[in-house]
Amino acid sequence: MTLTELAQSTLPTDVLVTSLSTEDDATVVALRGEADILTLPVISDVLASVIADHDGPVVIDLAEIAFIDTGSIRSLARAAELLGDRGRELTVRSPSRIAVRMLTLLELSHLIKPVKATTP
């Protein structure tokens, strides 16, 4: 067994799960699990698909993200720029603590969608 085969055989196949849904006129991309260098192509592909194939705003749901690295955050920032150039918006909702930390560290906390207060 080569080193490459060993590395591939020990990598979990479900490190990151993505799902798409729609809410009103927005496309919601939910990320669950760990977003890192190994899953960056998955994030890039789903964002490219959403930008190309859907209209309206894009919401990235990070409520169930266990880990997110700077490359993944930068991918979200690039998607936000591309959407902005097209008159569309990308926002992040329900970010996990690690996601808030990374967004803040990279000065992208403005992408976080404020939580609406509910009245009793």
PDB file of N, CA and C in Angstrom:
ATOM      1  N   MET A   1       0.858  -1.174   0.000  1.00  0.00           N
ATOM      2  CA  MET A   1       0.000   0.000   0.000  1.00  0.00           C
ATOM      3  C   MET A   1       0.900   1.231   0.000  1.00  0.00           C
ATOM      4  N   THR A   2       0.600   2.161  -0.909  1.00  0.00           N
ATOM      5  CA  THR A   2       1.371   3.397  -0.969  1.00  0.00           C
ATOM      6  C   THR A   2       0.862   4.383   0.074  1.00  0.00           C
ATOM      7  N   LEU A   3       1.650   5.426   0.300  1.00  0.00           N
ATOM      8  CA  LEU A   3       1.246   6.460   1.252  1.00  0.00           C
ATOM      9  C   LEU A   3      -0.053   7.130   0.805  1.00  0.00           C
ATOM     10  N   THR A   4      -0.189   7.362  -0.501  1.00  0.00           N
ATOM     11  CA  THR A   4      -1.412   7.975  -1.028  1.00  0.00           C
ATOM     12  C   THR A   4      -2.618   7.081  -0.775  1.00  0.00           C
ATOM     13  N   GLU A   5      -2.473   5.796  -1.016  1.00  0.00           N
ATOM     14  CA  GLU A   5      -3.579   4.858  -0.773  1.00  0.00           C
ATOM     15  C   GLU A   5      -3.932   4.805   0.701  1.00  0.00           C
ATOM     16  N   LEU A   6      -2.940   4.843   1.560  1.00  0.00           N
ATOM     17  CA  LEU A   6      -3.187   4.835   2.998  1.00  0.00           C
ATOM     18  C   LEU A   6      -3.957   6.085   3.412  1.00  0.00           C
ATOM     19  N   ALA A   7      -3.525   7.238   2.928  1.00  0.00           N
ATOM     20  CA  ALA A   7      -4.208   8.484   3.275  1.00  0.00           C
ATOM     21  C   ALA A   7      -5.639   8.475   2.769  1.00  0.00           C
ATOM     22  N   GLN A   8      -5.848   7.994   1.552  1.00  0.00           N
ATOM     23  CA  GLN A   8      -7.195   7.962   1.002  1.00  0.00           C
ATOM     24  C   GLN A   8      -8.079   6.976   1.743  1.00  0.00           C
ATOM     25  N   SER A   9      -7.529   5.867   2.169  1.00  0.00           N
ATOM     26  CA  SER A   9      -8.350   4.858   2.829  1.00  0.00           C
ATOM     27  C   SER A   9      -8.748   5.261   4.233  1.00  0.00           C
ATOM     28  N   THR A  10      -7.988   6.175   4.863  1.00  0.00           N
ATOM     29  CA  THR A  10      -8.318   6.567   6.229  1.00  0.00           C
ATOM     30  C   THR A  10      -9.151   7.838   6.311  1.00  0.00           C
ATOM     31  N   LEU A  11      -9.383   8.501   5.176  1.00  0.00           N
ATOM     32  CA  LEU A  11     -10.187   9.714   5.196  1.00  0.00           C
ATOM     33  C   LEU A  11     -11.656   9.369   5.288  1.00  0.00           C
ATOM     34  N   PRO A  12     -12.385   9.988   6.189  1.00  0.00           N
ATOM     35  CA  PRO A  12     -13.819   9.747   6.247  1.00  0.00           C
ATOM     36  C   PRO A  12     -14.497  10.312   5.006  1.00  0.00           C
ATOM     37  N   THR A  13     -15.501   9.607   4.516  1.00  0.00           N
ATOM     38  CA  THR A  13     -16.177  10.039   3.301  1.00  0.00           C
ATOM     39  C   THR A  13     -17.283  11.055   3.591  1.00  0.00           C
ATOM     40  N   ASP A  14     -17.674  11.198   4.844  1.00  0.00           N
ATOM     41  CA  ASP A  14     -18.763  12.111   5.169  1.00  0.00           C
ATOM     42  C   ASP A  14     -18.289  13.275   6.034  1.00  0.00           C
ATOM     43  N   VAL A  15     -17.113  13.802   5.725  1.00  0.00           N
ATOM     44  CA  VAL A  15     -16.564  14.898   6.501  1.00  0.00           C
ATOM     45  C   VAL A  15     -17.434  16.143   6.364  1.00  0.00           C
ATOM     46  N   LEU A  16     -17.952  16.395   5.155  1.00  0.00           N
ATOM     47  CA  LEU A  16     -18.783  17.558   4.921  1.00  0.00           C
ATOM     48  C   LEU A  16     -20.010  17.134   4.122  1.00  0.00           C
ATOM     49  N   VAL A  17     -21.157  17.572   4.590  1.00  0.00           N
ATOM     50  CA  VAL A  17     -22.411  17.300   3.892  1.00  0.00           C
ATOM     51  C   VAL A  17     -23.016  18.642   3.505  1.00  0.00           C
ATOM     52  N   THR A  18     -23.423  18.745   2.250  1.00  0.00           N
ATOM     53  CA  THR A  18     -24.080  19.967   1.787  1.00  0.00           C
ATOM     54  C   THR A  18     -25.506  19.642   1.389  1.00  0.00           C
ATOM     55  N   SER A  19     -26.380  20.607   1.569  1.00  0.00           N
ATOM     56  CA  SER A  19     -27.756  20.435   1.099  1.00  0.00           C
ATOM     57  C   SER A  19     -28.266  21.771   0.607  1.00  0.00           C
ATOM     58  N   LEU A  20     -29.136  21.718  -0.389  1.00  0.00           N
ATOM     59  CA  LEU A  20     -29.740  22.917  -0.968  1.00  0.00           C
ATOM     60  C   LEU A  20     -31.230  22.910  -0.710  1.00  0.00           C
ATOM     61  N   SER A  21     -31.761  24.088  -0.444  1.00  0.00           N
ATOM     62  CA  SER A  21     -33.205  24.256  -0.321  1.00  0.00           C
ATOM     63  C   SER A  21     -33.531  25.691  -0.724  1.00  0.00           C
ATOM     64  N   THR A  22     -34.809  25.984  -0.801  1.00  0.00           N
ATOM     65  CA  THR A  22     -35.205  27.357  -1.097  1.00  0.00           C
ATOM     66  C   THR A  22     -36.113  27.863   0.010  1.00  0.00           C
ATOM     67  N   GLU A  23     -35.960  29.135   0.307  1.00  0.00           N
ATOM     68  CA  GLU A  23     -36.816  29.821   1.272  1.00  0.00           C
ATOM     69  C   GLU A  23     -37.157  31.167   0.654  1.00  0.00           C
ATOM     70  N   ASP A  24     -38.428  31.363   0.378  1.00  0.00           N
ATOM     71  CA  ASP A  24     -38.867  32.555  -0.343  1.00  0.00           C
ATOM     72  C   ASP A  24     -38.105  32.608  -1.662  1.00  0.00           C
ATOM     73  N   ASP A  25     -37.373  33.693  -1.912  1.00  0.00           N
ATOM     74  CA  ASP A  25     -36.633  33.795  -3.169  1.00  0.00           C
ATOM     75  C   ASP A  25     -35.159  33.433  -3.014  1.00  0.00           C
ATOM     76  N   ALA A  26     -34.753  32.970  -1.827  1.00  0.00           N
ATOM     77  CA  ALA A  26     -33.343  32.672  -1.551  1.00  0.00           C
ATOM     78  C   ALA A  26     -33.045  31.188  -1.716  1.00  0.00           C
ATOM     79  N   THR A  27     -31.830  30.918  -2.162  1.00  0.00           N
ATOM     80  CA  THR A  27     -31.302  29.554  -2.176  1.00  0.00           C
ATOM     81  C   THR A  27     -30.485  29.382  -0.912  1.00  0.00           C
ATOM     82  N   VAL A  28     -30.794  28.353  -0.142  1.00  0.00           N
ATOM     83  CA  VAL A  28     -30.101  28.091   1.115  1.00  0.00           C
ATOM     84  C   VAL A  28     -29.146  26.914   0.919  1.00  0.00           C
ATOM     85  N   VAL A  29     -27.886  27.154   1.242  1.00  0.00           N
ATOM     86  CA  VAL A  29     -26.865  26.108   1.201  1.00  0.00           C
ATOM     87  C   VAL A  29     -26.492  25.806   2.642  1.00  0.00           C
ATOM     88  N   ALA A  30     -26.831  24.618   3.108  1.00  0.00           N
ATOM     89  CA  ALA A  30     -26.485  24.216   4.473  1.00  0.00           C
ATOM     90  C   ALA A  30     -25.223  23.359   4.423  1.00  0.00           C
ATOM     91  N   LEU A  31     -24.269  23.697   5.259  1.00  0.00           N
ATOM     92  CA  LEU A  31     -23.037  22.932   5.381  1.00  0.00           C
ATOM     93  C   LEU A  31     -23.027  22.280   6.752  1.00  0.00           C
ATOM     94  N   ARG A  32     -22.732  20.982   6.777  1.00  0.00           N
ATOM     95  CA  ARG A  32     -22.711  20.245   8.041  1.00  0.00           C
ATOM     96  C   ARG A  32     -21.453  19.393   8.093  1.00  0.00           C
ATOM     97  N   GLY A  33     -20.732  19.487   9.194  1.00  0.00           N
ATOM     98  CA  GLY A  33     -19.516  18.689   9.350  1.00  0.00           C
ATOM     99  C   GLY A  33     -18.289  19.568   9.402  1.00  0.00           C
ATOM    100  N   GLU A  34     -17.235  19.139   8.686  1.00  0.00           N
ATOM    101  CA  GLU A  34     -15.970  19.847   8.711  1.00  0.00           C
ATOM    102  C   GLU A  34     -15.614  20.361   7.325  1.00  0.00           C
ATOM    103  N   ALA A  35     -15.376  21.662   7.232  1.00  0.00           N
ATOM    104  CA  ALA A  35     -14.989  22.297   5.980  1.00  0.00           C
ATOM    105  C   ALA A  35     -13.510  22.646   6.067  1.00  0.00           C
ATOM    106  N   ASP A  36     -12.700  21.926   5.313  1.00  0.00           N
ATOM    107  CA  ASP A  36     -11.262  22.151   5.360  1.00  0.00           C
ATOM    108  C   ASP A  36     -10.672  21.986   3.963  1.00  0.00           C
ATOM    109  N   ILE A  37      -9.378  21.873   3.875  1.00  0.00           N
ATOM    110  CA  ILE A  37      -8.693  21.788   2.579  1.00  0.00           C
ATOM    111  C   ILE A  37      -9.185  20.598   1.766  1.00  0.00           C
ATOM    112  N   LEU A  38      -9.546  19.524   2.429  1.00  0.00           N
ATOM    113  CA  LEU A  38     -10.006  18.332   1.713  1.00  0.00           C
ATOM    114  C   LEU A  38     -11.404  18.499   1.128  1.00  0.00           C
ATOM    115  N   THR A  39     -12.219  19.333   1.754  1.00  0.00           N
ATOM    116  CA  THR A  39     -13.596  19.505   1.286  1.00  0.00           C
ATOM    117  C   THR A  39     -13.810  20.815   0.542  1.00  0.00           C
ATOM    118  N   LEU A  40     -12.751  21.609   0.401  1.00  0.00           N
ATOM    119  CA  LEU A  40     -12.871  22.880  -0.305  1.00  0.00           C
ATOM    120  C   LEU A  40     -13.432  22.722  -1.719  1.00  0.00           C
ATOM    121  N   PRO A  41     -13.032  21.687  -2.480  1.00  0.00           N
ATOM    122  CA  PRO A  41     -13.636  21.517  -3.808  1.00  0.00           C
ATOM    123  C   PRO A  41     -15.155  21.313  -3.758  1.00  0.00           C
ATOM    124  N   VAL A  42     -15.645  20.671  -2.721  1.00  0.00           N
ATOM    125  CA  VAL A  42     -17.088  20.471  -2.578  1.00  0.00           C
ATOM    126  C   VAL A  42     -17.776  21.815  -2.392  1.00  0.00           C
ATOM    127  N   ILE A  43     -17.226  22.639  -1.521  1.00  0.00           N
ATOM    128  CA  ILE A  43     -17.801  23.959  -1.266  1.00  0.00           C
ATOM    129  C   ILE A  43     -17.752  24.816  -2.527  1.00  0.00           C
ATOM    130  N   SER A  44     -16.599  24.818  -3.177  1.00  0.00           N
ATOM    131  CA  SER A  44     -16.449  25.608  -4.401  1.00  0.00           C
ATOM    132  C   SER A  44     -17.435  25.166  -5.472  1.00  0.00           C
ATOM    133  N   ASP A  45     -17.604  23.865  -5.636  1.00  0.00           N
ATOM    134  CA  ASP A  45     -18.527  23.341  -6.650  1.00  0.00           C
ATOM    135  C   ASP A  45     -19.974  23.712  -6.347  1.00  0.00           C
ATOM    136  N   VAL A  46     -20.394  23.567  -5.099  1.00  0.00           N
ATOM    137  CA  VAL A  46     -21.784  23.878  -4.764  1.00  0.00           C
ATOM    138  C   VAL A  46     -22.049  25.375  -4.910  1.00  0.00           C
ATOM    139  N   LEU A  47     -21.093  26.206  -4.515  1.00  0.00           N
ATOM    140  CA  LEU A  47     -21.282  27.647  -4.665  1.00  0.00           C
ATOM    141  C   LEU A  47     -21.320  28.053  -6.130  1.00  0.00           C
ATOM    142  N   ALA A  48     -20.439  27.483  -6.951  1.00  0.00           N
ATOM    143  CA  ALA A  48     -20.436  27.790  -8.383  1.00  0.00           C
ATOM    144  C   ALA A  48     -21.753  27.385  -9.021  1.00  0.00           C
ATOM    145  N   SER A  49     -22.262  26.240  -8.622  1.00  0.00           N
ATOM    146  CA  SER A  49     -23.538  25.755  -9.147  1.00  0.00           C
ATOM    147  C   SER A  49     -24.691  26.674  -8.753  1.00  0.00           C
ATOM    148  N   VAL A  50     -24.718  27.080  -7.506  1.00  0.00           N
ATOM    149  CA  VAL A  50     -25.785  27.954  -7.024  1.00  0.00           C
ATOM    150  C   VAL A  50     -25.730  29.305  -7.734  1.00  0.00           C
ATOM    151  N   ILE A  51     -24.534  29.843  -7.887  1.00  0.00           N
ATOM    152  CA  ILE A  51     -24.391  31.133  -8.562  1.00  0.00           C
ATOM    153  C   ILE A  51     -24.855  31.026 -10.018  1.00  0.00           C
ATOM    154  N   ALA A  52     -24.490  29.956 -10.690  1.00  0.00           N
ATOM    155  CA  ALA A  52     -24.820  29.800 -12.114  1.00  0.00           C
ATOM    156  C   ALA A  52     -26.264  29.391 -12.364  1.00  0.00           C
ATOM    157  N   ASP A  53     -26.815  28.550 -11.505  1.00  0.00           N
ATOM    158  CA  ASP A  53     -28.098  27.910 -11.798  1.00  0.00           C
ATOM    159  C   ASP A  53     -29.305  28.478 -11.061  1.00  0.00           C
ATOM    160  N   HIS A  54     -29.088  29.388 -10.130  1.00  0.00           N
ATOM    161  CA  HIS A  54     -30.186  29.916  -9.336  1.00  0.00           C
ATOM    162  C   HIS A  54     -30.173  31.442  -9.372  1.00  0.00           C
ATOM    163  N   ASP A  55     -31.318  32.024  -9.162  1.00  0.00           N
ATOM    164  CA  ASP A  55     -31.440  33.478  -9.073  1.00  0.00           C
ATOM    165  C   ASP A  55     -31.674  33.872  -7.620  1.00  0.00           C
ATOM    166  N   GLY A  56     -31.538  35.152  -7.346  1.00  0.00           N
ATOM    167  CA  GLY A  56     -31.852  35.663  -6.023  1.00  0.00           C
ATOM    168  C   GLY A  56     -30.708  35.515  -5.049  1.00  0.00           C
ATOM    169  N   PRO A  57     -30.982  35.857  -3.799  1.00  0.00           N
ATOM    170  CA  PRO A  57     -29.946  35.814  -2.771  1.00  0.00           C
ATOM    171  C   PRO A  57     -29.574  34.378  -2.397  1.00  0.00           C
ATOM    172  N   VAL A  58     -28.397  34.264  -1.789  1.00  0.00           N
ATOM    173  CA  VAL A  58     -27.895  32.971  -1.328  1.00  0.00           C
ATOM    174  C   VAL A  58     -27.651  33.076   0.174  1.00  0.00           C
ATOM    175  N   VAL A  59     -28.156  32.112   0.908  1.00  0.00           N
ATOM    176  CA  VAL A  59     -27.966  32.047   2.357  1.00  0.00           C
ATOM    177  C   VAL A  59     -27.131  30.807   2.658  1.00  0.00           C
ATOM    178  N   ILE A  60     -26.039  31.000   3.375  1.00  0.00           N
ATOM    179  CA  ILE A  60     -25.193  29.886   3.792  1.00  0.00           C
ATOM    180  C   ILE A  60     -25.509  29.599   5.253  1.00  0.00           C
ATOM    181  N   ASP A  61     -26.029  28.415   5.516  1.00  0.00           N
ATOM    182  CA  ASP A  61     -26.386  28.018   6.877  1.00  0.00           C
ATOM    183  C   ASP A  61     -25.214  27.244   7.478  1.00  0.00           C
ATOM    184  N   LEU A  62     -24.619  27.799   8.522  1.00  0.00           N
ATOM    185  CA  LEU A  62     -23.463  27.176   9.168  1.00  0.00           C
ATOM    186  C   LEU A  62     -23.778  26.707  10.586  1.00  0.00           C
ATOM    187  N   ALA A  63     -25.018  26.444  10.868  1.00  0.00           N
ATOM    188  CA  ALA A  63     -25.421  26.034  12.217  1.00  0.00           C
ATOM    189  C   ALA A  63     -24.761  24.723  12.632  1.00  0.00           C
ATOM    190  N   GLU A  64     -24.545  23.832  11.675  1.00  0.00           N
ATOM    191  CA  GLU A  64     -24.019  22.505  12.019  1.00  0.00           C
ATOM    192  C   GLU A  64     -22.604  22.286  11.508  1.00  0.00           C
ATOM    193  N   ILE A  65     -21.853  23.376  11.351  1.00  0.00           N
ATOM    194  CA  ILE A  65     -20.474  23.238  10.921  1.00  0.00           C
ATOM    195  C   ILE A  65     -19.612  23.027  12.160  1.00  0.00           C
ATOM    196  N   ALA A  66     -18.874  21.933  12.189  1.00  0.00           N
ATOM    197  CA  ALA A  66     -18.036  21.615  13.348  1.00  0.00           C
ATOM    198  C   ALA A  66     -16.675  22.283  13.258  1.00  0.00           C
ATOM    199  N   PHE A  67     -16.210  22.504  12.022  1.00  0.00           N
ATOM    200  CA  PHE A  67     -14.922  23.142  11.786  1.00  0.00           C
ATOM    201  C   PHE A  67     -14.982  23.806  10.426  1.00  0.00           C
ATOM    202  N   ILE A  68     -14.366  24.969  10.307  1.00  0.00           N
ATOM    203  CA  ILE A  68     -14.267  25.636   9.009  1.00  0.00           C
ATOM    204  C   ILE A  68     -12.935  26.368   8.968  1.00  0.00           C
ATOM    205  N   ASP A  69     -12.181  26.133   7.907  1.00  0.00           N
ATOM    206  CA  ASP A  69     -10.863  26.749   7.808  1.00  0.00           C
ATOM    207  C   ASP A  69     -10.912  28.043   7.000  1.00  0.00           C
ATOM    208  N   THR A  70      -9.779  28.718   6.943  1.00  0.00           N
ATOM    209  CA  THR A  70      -9.731  30.001   6.254  1.00  0.00           C
ATOM    210  C   THR A  70      -9.992  29.866   4.763  1.00  0.00           C
ATOM    211  N   GLY A  71      -9.552  28.779   4.161  1.00  0.00           N
ATOM    212  CA  GLY A  71      -9.809  28.573   2.730  1.00  0.00           C
ATOM    213  C   GLY A  71     -11.296  28.499   2.437  1.00  0.00           C
ATOM    214  N   SER A  72     -12.033  27.834   3.274  1.00  0.00           N
ATOM    215  CA  SER A  72     -13.480  27.722   3.097  1.00  0.00           C
ATOM    216  C   SER A  72     -14.158  29.071   3.298  1.00  0.00           C
ATOM    217  N   ILE A  73     -13.710  29.828   4.296  1.00  0.00           N
ATOM    218  CA  ILE A  73     -14.262  31.163   4.529  1.00  0.00           C
ATOM    219  C   ILE A  73     -13.951  32.069   3.342  1.00  0.00           C
ATOM    220  N   ARG A  74     -12.753  31.980   2.824  1.00  0.00           N
ATOM    221  CA  ARG A  74     -12.382  32.789   1.652  1.00  0.00           C
ATOM    222  C   ARG A  74     -13.221  32.410   0.430  1.00  0.00           C
ATOM    223  N   SER A  75     -13.576  31.147   0.317  1.00  0.00           N
ATOM    224  CA  SER A  75     -14.447  30.712  -0.772  1.00  0.00           C
ATOM    225  C   SER A  75     -15.827  31.370  -0.648  1.00  0.00           C
ATOM    226  N   LEU A  76     -16.327  31.470   0.575  1.00  0.00           N
ATOM    227  CA  LEU A  76     -17.596  32.161   0.803  1.00  0.00           C
ATOM    228  C   LEU A  76     -17.467  33.648   0.449  1.00  0.00           C
ATOM    229  N   ALA A  77     -16.325  34.248   0.792  1.00  0.00           N
ATOM    230  CA  ALA A  77     -16.101  35.662   0.484  1.00  0.00           C
ATOM    231  C   ALA A  77     -16.049  35.889  -1.024  1.00  0.00           C
ATOM    232  N   ARG A  78     -15.395  34.989  -1.758  1.00  0.00           N
ATOM    233  CA  ARG A  78     -15.345  35.113  -3.223  1.00  0.00           C
ATOM    234  C   ARG A  78     -16.736  34.982  -3.818  1.00  0.00           C
ATOM    235  N   ALA A  79     -17.513  34.053  -3.292  1.00  0.00           N
ATOM    236  CA  ALA A  79     -18.887  33.876  -3.774  1.00  0.00           C
ATOM    237  C   ALA A  79     -19.709  35.135  -3.495  1.00  0.00           C
ATOM    238  N   ALA A  80     -19.506  35.737  -2.323  1.00  0.00           N
ATOM    239  CA  ALA A  80     -20.229  36.972  -1.991  1.00  0.00           C
ATOM    240  C   ALA A  80     -19.867  38.085  -2.971  1.00  0.00           C
ATOM    241  N   GLU A  81     -18.596  38.179  -3.347  1.00  0.00           N
ATOM    242  CA  GLU A  81     -18.163  39.184  -4.323  1.00  0.00           C
ATOM    243  C   GLU A  81     -18.803  38.936  -5.686  1.00  0.00           C
ATOM    244  N   LEU A  82     -18.771  37.684  -6.136  1.00  0.00           N
ATOM    245  CA  LEU A  82     -19.371  37.344  -7.435  1.00  0.00           C
ATOM    246  C   LEU A  82     -20.860  37.658  -7.452  1.00  0.00           C
ATOM    247  N   LEU A  83     -21.543  37.294  -6.385  1.00  0.00           N
ATOM    248  CA  LEU A  83     -22.973  37.576  -6.306  1.00  0.00           C
ATOM    249  C   LEU A  83     -23.222  39.082  -6.266  1.00  0.00           C
ATOM    250  N   GLY A  84     -22.420  39.806  -5.513  1.00  0.00           N
ATOM    251  CA  GLY A  84     -22.559  41.258  -5.437  1.00  0.00           C
ATOM    252  C   GLY A  84     -22.398  41.915  -6.798  1.00  0.00           C
ATOM    253  N   ASP A  85     -21.468  41.389  -7.594  1.00  0.00           N
ATOM    254  CA  ASP A  85     -21.269  41.909  -8.952  1.00  0.00           C
ATOM    255  C   ASP A  85     -22.493  41.680  -9.832  1.00  0.00           C
ATOM    256  N   ARG A  86     -23.322  40.721  -9.451  1.00  0.00           N
ATOM    257  CA  ARG A  86     -24.530  40.394 -10.207  1.00  0.00           C
ATOM    258  C   ARG A  86     -25.791  40.969  -9.561  1.00  0.00           C
ATOM    259  N   GLY A  87     -25.597  41.836  -8.574  1.00  0.00           N
ATOM    260  CA  GLY A  87     -26.739  42.441  -7.896  1.00  0.00           C
ATOM    261  C   GLY A  87     -27.449  41.491  -6.947  1.00  0.00           C
ATOM    262  N   ARG A  88     -26.738  40.453  -6.519  1.00  0.00           N
ATOM    263  CA  ARG A  88     -27.295  39.469  -5.593  1.00  0.00           C
ATOM    264  C   ARG A  88     -26.506  39.533  -4.291  1.00  0.00           C
ATOM    265  N   GLU A  89     -27.026  38.866  -3.269  1.00  0.00           N
ATOM    266  CA  GLU A  89     -26.411  38.942  -1.947  1.00  0.00           C
ATOM    267  C   GLU A  89     -26.161  37.553  -1.386  1.00  0.00           C
ATOM    268  N   LEU A  90     -25.052  37.418  -0.667  1.00  0.00           N
ATOM    269  CA  LEU A  90     -24.763  36.210   0.098  1.00  0.00           C
ATOM    270  C   LEU A  90     -24.729  36.596   1.559  1.00  0.00           C
ATOM    271  N   THR A  91     -25.455  35.846   2.376  1.00  0.00           N
ATOM    272  CA  THR A  91     -25.403  36.041   3.821  1.00  0.00           C
ATOM    273  C   THR A  91     -25.160  34.701   4.489  1.00  0.00           C
ATOM    274  N   VAL A  92     -24.638  34.768   5.691  1.00  0.00           N
ATOM    275  CA  VAL A  92     -24.400  33.579   6.507  1.00  0.00           C
ATOM    276  C   VAL A  92     -25.378  33.622   7.656  1.00  0.00           C
ATOM    277  N   ARG A  93     -26.054  32.506   7.895  1.00  0.00           N
ATOM    278  CA  ARG A  93     -26.974  32.480   9.041  1.00  0.00           C
ATOM    279  C   ARG A  93     -26.596  31.366  10.001  1.00  0.00           C
ATOM    280  N   SER A  94     -26.919  31.589  11.232  1.00  0.00           N
ATOM    281  CA  SER A  94     -26.724  30.629  12.318  1.00  0.00           C
ATOM    282  C   SER A  94     -25.317  30.035  12.357  1.00  0.00           C
ATOM    283  N   PRO A  95     -24.282  30.877  12.256  1.00  0.00           N
ATOM    284  CA  PRO A  95     -22.937  30.304  12.256  1.00  0.00           C
ATOM    285  C   PRO A  95     -22.587  29.702  13.608  1.00  0.00           C
ATOM    286  N   SER A  96     -21.897  28.576  13.562  1.00  0.00           N
ATOM    287  CA  SER A  96     -21.405  27.958  14.793  1.00  0.00           C
ATOM    288  C   SER A  96     -20.354  28.872  15.406  1.00  0.00           C
ATOM    289  N   ARG A  97     -19.932  28.573  16.607  1.00  0.00           N
ATOM    290  CA  ARG A  97     -18.947  29.418  17.289  1.00  0.00           C
ATOM    291  C   ARG A  97     -17.649  29.511  16.492  1.00  0.00           C
ATOM    292  N   ILE A  98     -17.202  28.380  15.952  1.00  0.00           N
ATOM    293  CA  ILE A  98     -15.960  28.389  15.176  1.00  0.00           C
ATOM    294  C   ILE A  98     -16.125  29.217  13.912  1.00  0.00           C
ATOM    295  N   ALA A  99     -17.304  29.160  13.290  1.00  0.00           N
ATOM    296  CA  ALA A  99     -17.546  29.933  12.074  1.00  0.00           C
ATOM    297  C   ALA A  99     -17.555  31.432  12.381  1.00  0.00           C
ATOM    298  N   VAL A 100     -18.181  31.813  13.488  1.00  0.00           N
ATOM    299  CA  VAL A 100     -18.176  33.227  13.892  1.00  0.00           C
ATOM    300  C   VAL A 100     -16.746  33.686  14.115  1.00  0.00           C
ATOM    301  N   ARG A 101     -15.966  32.866  14.789  1.00  0.00           N
ATOM    302  CA  ARG A 101     -14.576  33.207  15.080  1.00  0.00           C
ATOM    303  C   ARG A 101     -13.789  33.419  13.780  1.00  0.00           C
ATOM    304  N   MET A 102     -13.968  32.508  12.819  1.00  0.00           N
ATOM    305  CA  MET A 102     -13.229  32.617  11.561  1.00  0.00           C
ATOM    306  C   MET A 102     -13.708  33.812  10.731  1.00  0.00           C
ATOM    307  N   LEU A 103     -15.001  34.020  10.662  1.00  0.00           N
ATOM    308  CA  LEU A 103     -15.533  35.166   9.922  1.00  0.00           C
ATOM    309  C   LEU A 103     -15.036  36.481  10.520  1.00  0.00           C
ATOM    310  N   THR A 104     -14.998  36.551  11.841  1.00  0.00           N
ATOM    311  CA  THR A 104     -14.521  37.751  12.521  1.00  0.00           C
ATOM    312  C   THR A 104     -13.024  37.944  12.286  1.00  0.00           C
ATOM    313  N   LEU A 105     -12.267  36.870  12.407  1.00  0.00           N
ATOM    314  CA  LEU A 105     -10.823  36.929  12.203  1.00  0.00           C
ATOM    315  C   LEU A 105     -10.481  37.450  10.801  1.00  0.00           C
ATOM    316  N   LEU A 106     -11.256  37.042   9.806  1.00  0.00           N
ATOM    317  CA  LEU A 106     -11.002  37.454   8.424  1.00  0.00           C
ATOM    318  C   LEU A 106     -11.788  38.708   8.027  1.00  0.00           C
ATOM    319  N   GLU A 107     -12.336  39.381   9.033  1.00  0.00           N
ATOM    320  CA  GLU A 107     -13.085  40.619   8.833  1.00  0.00           C
ATOM    321  C   GLU A 107     -14.244  40.456   7.850  1.00  0.00           C
ATOM    322  N   LEU A 108     -14.964  39.351   8.001  1.00  0.00           N
ATOM    323  CA  LEU A 108     -16.118  39.061   7.152  1.00  0.00           C
ATOM    324  C   LEU A 108     -17.394  38.886   7.963  1.00  0.00           C
ATOM    325  N   SER A 109     -17.387  39.368   9.207  1.00  0.00           N
ATOM    326  CA  SER A 109     -18.568  39.202  10.053  1.00  0.00           C
ATOM    327  C   SER A 109     -19.775  39.962   9.504  1.00  0.00           C
ATOM    328  N   HIS A 110     -19.554  40.906   8.582  1.00  0.00           N
ATOM    329  CA  HIS A 110     -20.674  41.627   7.972  1.00  0.00           C
ATOM    330  C   HIS A 110     -21.552  40.699   7.124  1.00  0.00           C
ATOM    331  N   LEU A 111     -21.051  39.514   6.797  1.00  0.00           N
ATOM    332  CA  LEU A 111     -21.847  38.550   6.035  1.00  0.00           C
ATOM    333  C   LEU A 111     -22.886  37.844   6.907  1.00  0.00           C
ATOM    334  N   ILE A 112     -22.718  37.912   8.222  1.00  0.00           N
ATOM    335  CA  ILE A 112     -23.633  37.212   9.127  1.00  0.00           C
ATOM    336  C   ILE A 112     -24.976  37.933   9.142  1.00  0.00           C
ATOM    337  N   LYS A 113     -26.017  37.152   8.861  1.00  0.00           N
ATOM    338  CA  LYS A 113     -27.385  37.683   8.850  1.00  0.00           C
ATOM    339  C   LYS A 113     -27.865  37.793  10.290  1.00  0.00           C
ATOM    340  N   PRO A 114     -28.303  38.983  10.696  1.00  0.00           N
ATOM    341  CA  PRO A 114     -28.780  39.131  12.071  1.00  0.00           C
ATOM    342  C   PRO A 114     -30.023  38.261  12.326  1.00  0.00           C
ATOM    343  N   VAL A 115     -30.102  37.755  13.533  1.00  0.00           N
ATOM    344  CA  VAL A 115     -31.248  36.955  13.928  1.00  0.00           C
ATOM    345  C   VAL A 115     -32.403  37.897  14.246  1.00  0.00           C
ATOM    346  N   LYS A 116     -33.554  37.613  13.672  1.00  0.00           N
ATOM    347  CA  LYS A 116     -34.727  38.451  13.940  1.00  0.00           C
ATOM    348  C   LYS A 116     -35.282  38.101  15.305  1.00  0.00           C
ATOM    349  N   ALA A 117     -35.564  39.136  16.078  1.00  0.00           N
ATOM    350  CA  ALA A 117     -36.151  38.934  17.391  1.00  0.00           C
ATOM    351  C   ALA A 117     -37.613  38.554  17.236  1.00  0.00           C
ATOM    352  N   THR A 118     -38.037  37.617  18.042  1.00  0.00           N
ATOM    353  CA  THR A 118     -39.444  37.227  18.012  1.00  0.00           C
ATOM    354  C   THR A 118     -40.160  37.889  19.171  1.00  0.00           C
ATOM    355  N   THR A 119     -41.383  38.284  18.916  1.00  0.00           N
ATOM    356  CA  THR A 119     -42.167  38.907  19.977  1.00  0.00           C
ATOM    357  C   THR A 119     -43.104  37.876  20.577  1.00  0.00           C
ATOM    358  N   PRO A 120     -43.251  37.887  21.887  1.00  0.00           N
ATOM    359  CA  PRO A 120     -44.118  36.889  22.535  1.00  0.00           C
ATOM    360  C   PRO A 120     -45.587  37.135  22.275  1.00  0.00           C
TER     361      PRO A 120
END
